Amino acid sequence: MVSVVPGKRTAENAERLLADFKRRTGGRMMRLLTTDEYAPYQQAILKAYGRRVTPPRTGKPGRPAGPRWLAPPELNYATVHKTREKGHVVKVQTRVIFGQEQAVRAALEASAVSRHVNTSFIERHNGTDRNRNARKVRKTYCFSKDWDVHDAVTYFTMFSYNFCWSVRTLAEPVANGRLRPRTPAMAAGLTDHLWSLREWLSFPFVQRE
């Protein structure tokens, strides 16, 4: 889990999420970005990775065109639309918003985990998050009564997941057919071992302005 912004699903928070994600990944362009069809994501992605341009004046009567955001040619972004009937998904459709179909297919072919445009990974993680954080379970008595506590617990469960939670599908084969448990942080090359909560919570932290 690279970035999280606790709060309501708003255009402002979508922009905060994309800006934070870009910062944490060093500003480099991802091969492919995918989301559901929540409309503010498109503008948030443009603001994070696009270029703001002001069209030149045409000399014609009328109000001149205002500034707008342009997507860079290397940006590939696709959305997933799910059709539901009686609470069940009966159809899944994808749409390329930025980039070319060929570039999206090439990104999927280069992927080590998927060959289709999807949002399955974040949806699966949402289920894991509800399992680890009872405050987010639907129809629960454990809902948060204080926003600051909810905010803190969200970051605690999200970031401890990266370092302290071994994920079955990330296990690495070793000698004699055994599997070495790995956390997301280990798979990303950020650490060489599974951290205990004690180690993670006591690790020195330097706050930056």
Protein backbone atom coordinates (compact mmCIF):
# COMPACT_ATOMS: atom_id res chain seq x y z
CA MET A 1 0.00 0.00 0.00
CA VAL A 2 1.80 3.11 -1.25
CA SER A 3 -0.51 5.90 -0.12
CA VAL A 4 -3.70 6.45 1.84
CA VAL A 5 -5.80 9.55 2.58
CA PRO A 6 -8.43 8.89 5.28
CA GLY A 7 -11.70 10.74 4.82
CA LYS A 8 -14.73 11.08 2.62
CA ARG A 9 -14.56 10.30 -1.07
CA THR A 10 -14.25 13.81 -2.48
CA ALA A 11 -12.48 15.51 -5.38
CA GLU A 12 -10.16 17.24 -2.92
CA ASN A 13 -9.12 13.97 -1.28
CA ALA A 14 -8.66 12.34 -4.70
CA GLU A 15 -6.20 15.11 -5.59
CA ARG A 16 -4.43 14.71 -2.24
CA LEU A 17 -4.11 10.96 -2.83
CA LEU A 18 -2.65 11.32 -6.33
CA ALA A 19 -0.24 14.07 -5.23
CA ASP A 20 0.95 11.95 -2.29
CA PHE A 21 1.29 8.85 -4.49
CA LYS A 22 3.37 10.80 -7.01
CA ARG A 23 5.62 12.13 -4.24
CA ARG A 24 6.16 8.69 -2.70
CA THR A 25 7.05 7.16 -6.08
CA GLY A 26 9.57 9.87 -6.92
CA GLY A 27 7.38 11.48 -9.58
CA ARG A 28 7.96 8.68 -12.08
CA MET A 29 5.17 7.74 -14.44
CA MET A 30 3.43 4.43 -13.80
CA ARG A 31 3.01 2.02 -16.71
CA LEU A 32 -0.72 1.93 -16.07
CA LEU A 33 -3.14 3.56 -13.63
CA THR A 34 -6.57 2.00 -13.07
CA THR A 35 -9.57 3.10 -10.99
CA ASP A 36 -13.31 2.72 -10.90
CA GLU A 37 -15.41 5.36 -12.64
CA TYR A 38 -15.40 7.92 -9.83
CA ALA A 39 -15.23 11.08 -11.96
CA PRO A 40 -12.79 13.22 -9.86
CA TYR A 41 -9.98 10.71 -10.41
CA GLN A 42 -9.51 11.87 -14.00
CA GLN A 43 -8.88 15.49 -13.01
CA ALA A 44 -6.74 14.43 -10.05
CA ILE A 45 -4.52 12.34 -12.34
CA LEU A 46 -4.22 15.23 -14.77
CA LYS A 47 -3.21 17.63 -12.00
CA ALA A 48 -0.64 15.17 -10.68
CA TYR A 49 0.97 14.15 -13.98
CA GLY A 50 -0.34 16.55 -16.62
CA ARG A 51 0.69 19.95 -17.88
CA ARG A 52 -1.36 23.13 -17.38
CA VAL A 53 -1.63 25.15 -20.57
CA THR A 54 -3.41 28.34 -21.56
CA PRO A 55 -4.67 28.35 -25.16
CA PRO A 56 -3.46 31.36 -27.17
CA ARG A 57 -5.94 34.09 -27.98
CA THR A 58 -7.61 33.67 -31.36
CA GLY A 59 -8.53 37.32 -31.88
CA LYS A 60 -12.16 36.33 -32.39
CA PRO A 61 -15.05 37.84 -30.39
CA GLY A 62 -16.06 36.17 -27.16
CA ARG A 63 -14.48 35.11 -23.92
CA PRO A 64 -11.01 33.55 -24.41
CA ALA A 65 -10.53 29.91 -23.49
CA GLY A 66 -9.29 29.37 -19.95
CA PRO A 67 -6.34 27.24 -18.86
CA ARG A 68 -6.69 23.48 -18.99
CA TRP A 69 -4.71 20.36 -18.13
CA LEU A 70 -3.15 18.19 -20.83
CA ALA A 71 -2.20 14.55 -20.34
CA PRO A 72 1.38 13.61 -21.30
CA PRO A 73 1.57 11.08 -24.16
CA GLU A 74 3.12 8.42 -21.90
CA LEU A 75 0.22 8.50 -19.41
CA ASN A 76 -1.92 5.35 -19.52
CA TYR A 77 -5.11 5.41 -17.47
CA ALA A 78 -8.10 3.08 -17.68
CA THR A 79 -11.33 2.67 -15.70
CA VAL A 80 -13.48 -0.29 -14.74
CA HIS A 81 -17.28 -0.24 -14.92
CA LYS A 82 -19.28 -2.97 -13.18
CA THR A 83 -22.93 -3.69 -13.93
CA ARG A 84 -24.81 -5.16 -10.98
CA GLU A 85 -28.12 -6.93 -10.79
CA LYS A 86 -29.66 -7.86 -7.43
CA GLY A 87 -26.36 -7.16 -5.69
CA HIS A 88 -24.25 -9.31 -8.01
CA VAL A 89 -21.77 -8.21 -10.68
CA VAL A 90 -23.06 -9.47 -14.04
CA LYS A 91 -20.82 -7.52 -16.41
CA VAL A 92 -17.41 -5.82 -16.27
CA GLN A 93 -16.39 -3.24 -18.87
CA THR A 94 -13.14 -1.30 -19.20
CA ARG A 95 -12.40 2.01 -20.86
CA VAL A 96 -9.09 3.67 -21.75
CA ILE A 97 -9.22 7.34 -20.68
CA PHE A 98 -5.64 8.45 -21.37
CA GLY A 99 -3.20 6.69 -23.67
CA GLN A 100 -3.62 4.27 -26.53
CA GLU A 101 -5.13 0.78 -26.42
CA GLN A 102 -1.85 -0.63 -27.70
CA ALA A 103 0.13 1.05 -24.91
CA VAL A 104 -2.30 -0.28 -22.30
CA ARG A 105 -2.00 -3.81 -23.70
CA ALA A 106 1.79 -3.52 -23.62
CA ALA A 107 1.67 -2.41 -19.97
CA LEU A 108 -0.52 -5.40 -19.11
CA GLU A 109 1.77 -7.80 -20.96
CA ALA A 110 4.72 -6.45 -18.95
CA SER A 111 2.83 -6.87 -15.67
CA ALA A 112 3.86 -9.70 -13.35
CA VAL A 113 0.44 -9.95 -11.71
CA SER A 114 -2.36 -9.27 -14.19
CA ARG A 115 -3.31 -9.39 -17.85
CA HIS A 116 -6.54 -7.39 -17.57
CA VAL A 117 -7.54 -3.86 -16.58
CA ASN A 118 -9.04 -4.31 -13.12
CA THR A 119 -9.42 -2.92 -9.60
CA SER A 120 -9.23 -6.35 -7.96
CA PHE A 121 -6.09 -5.65 -5.92
CA ILE A 122 -7.41 -2.56 -4.14
CA GLU A 123 -10.79 -4.24 -3.62
CA ARG A 124 -9.06 -7.23 -2.03
CA HIS A 125 -7.01 -4.92 0.15
CA ASN A 126 -10.18 -3.12 1.25
CA GLY A 127 -11.40 -6.46 2.58
CA THR A 128 -8.09 -7.00 4.39
CA ASP A 129 -8.30 -3.49 5.82
CA ARG A 130 -11.78 -4.15 7.25
CA ASN A 131 -10.47 -7.39 8.75
CA ARG A 132 -7.60 -5.54 10.45
CA ASN A 133 -9.58 -2.44 11.40
CA ALA A 134 -12.98 -3.19 12.94
CA ARG A 135 -13.89 0.51 12.76
CA LYS A 136 -14.48 0.08 9.03
CA VAL A 137 -16.60 -3.07 9.13
CA ARG A 138 -20.10 -2.52 7.83
CA LYS A 139 -22.89 -2.59 10.46
CA THR A 140 -20.59 -2.66 13.49
CA TYR A 141 -20.69 -1.36 17.06
CA CYS A 142 -16.97 -0.58 16.70
CA PHE A 143 -17.42 2.49 14.51
CA SER A 144 -15.16 5.47 15.32
CA LYS A 145 -16.52 8.13 17.67
CA ASP A 146 -13.56 10.47 17.22
CA TRP A 147 -12.06 11.49 13.87
CA ASP A 148 -8.49 11.85 15.14
CA VAL A 149 -8.54 8.29 16.49
CA HIS A 150 -10.05 6.97 13.26
CA ASP A 151 -7.35 8.79 11.29
CA ALA A 152 -4.58 7.39 13.49
CA VAL A 153 -5.86 3.80 13.43
CA THR A 154 -6.20 3.96 9.64
CA TYR A 155 -2.54 4.89 9.23
CA PHE A 156 -1.50 2.33 11.86
CA THR A 157 -3.23 -0.60 10.14
CA MET A 158 -2.26 0.49 6.63
CA PHE A 159 1.43 1.05 7.24
CA SER A 160 1.97 -1.85 9.65
CA TYR A 161 0.48 -4.02 6.88
CA ASN A 162 3.45 -3.14 4.68
CA PHE A 163 6.11 -4.25 7.18
CA CYS A 164 4.47 -6.56 9.74
CA TRP A 165 2.02 -8.68 7.76
CA SER A 166 3.26 -11.63 5.70
CA VAL A 167 1.06 -12.05 2.63
CA ARG A 168 0.51 -15.62 1.45
CA THR A 169 0.68 -14.79 -2.26
CA LEU A 170 4.03 -13.01 -1.80
CA ALA A 171 5.79 -16.02 -0.26
CA GLU A 172 9.15 -16.73 -1.91
CA PRO A 173 10.31 -20.29 -2.78
CA VAL A 174 13.53 -21.35 -1.04
CA ALA A 175 15.49 -24.60 -0.70
CA ASN A 176 13.76 -27.98 -0.26
CA GLY A 177 10.44 -26.72 -1.60
CA ARG A 178 9.84 -24.47 1.39
CA LEU A 179 8.38 -20.98 1.20
CA ARG A 180 9.83 -17.90 2.85
CA PRO A 181 7.10 -15.60 4.22
CA ARG A 182 7.30 -12.06 2.83
CA THR A 183 5.61 -8.78 3.62
CA PRO A 184 4.76 -6.19 0.94
CA ALA A 185 7.78 -4.16 2.09
CA MET A 186 10.05 -7.19 1.61
CA ALA A 187 8.63 -7.81 -1.87
CA ALA A 188 9.26 -4.14 -2.73
CA GLY A 189 12.87 -4.40 -1.57
CA LEU A 190 12.42 -1.95 1.33
CA THR A 191 13.50 -4.42 4.01
CA ASP A 192 14.99 -7.90 4.32
CA HIS A 193 12.85 -9.32 7.14
CA LEU A 194 9.39 -9.43 8.65
CA TRP A 195 9.14 -6.73 11.31
CA SER A 196 7.44 -7.27 14.65
CA LEU A 197 5.04 -4.57 15.83
CA ARG A 198 7.47 -3.76 18.63
CA GLU A 199 10.28 -3.17 16.13
CA TRP A 200 8.06 -1.09 13.84
CA LEU A 201 6.59 1.08 16.60
CA SER A 202 9.97 1.72 18.24
CA PHE A 203 11.79 2.56 15.00
CA PRO A 204 13.22 6.12 15.15
CA PHE A 205 11.06 8.60 13.31
CA VAL A 206 12.16 11.99 12.08
CA GLN A 207 9.31 14.36 11.26
CA ARG A 208 9.88 16.55 8.23
CA GLU A 209 8.36 19.95 7.63
